[in-house]
Amino acid sequence: MEQEQISPEEKQKILDTFFKDGKIEQMPSKHSKRVVIWEKVVEMLEDKPYSEFELTKFLKPIYVDFCTLRRDLVDNGYLIRENNIYTKAK
């Protein structure tokens, strides 16, 4: 499935709308807009392995439904989970 191209200006508009003060206020319903949010969250992560506890500690202040956010990041290929250790996908 080909991904919709979003301009840098549109990405910033999406972030300004849904991501305020370092927190996701609401997850967009459109997948292409969610991708922008997921990319921002992954960009905020350090390039190191995270235990599930550490990742939860990082995600919890960012989004109220941090479990779904963690699952979405894994299911959409932004994070890799092996033996309950999470790393950024390369």
Foldseek 3Di string as FASTA:
>chain_A
DDADDDDPVRLVVLCVVQFPPQAGPDQDPDPNSNVSVLVVLLVPDDQDKDALVRQCVSQVVHYVPSVVSVVCCCVVQQWPADPRIIGGHD
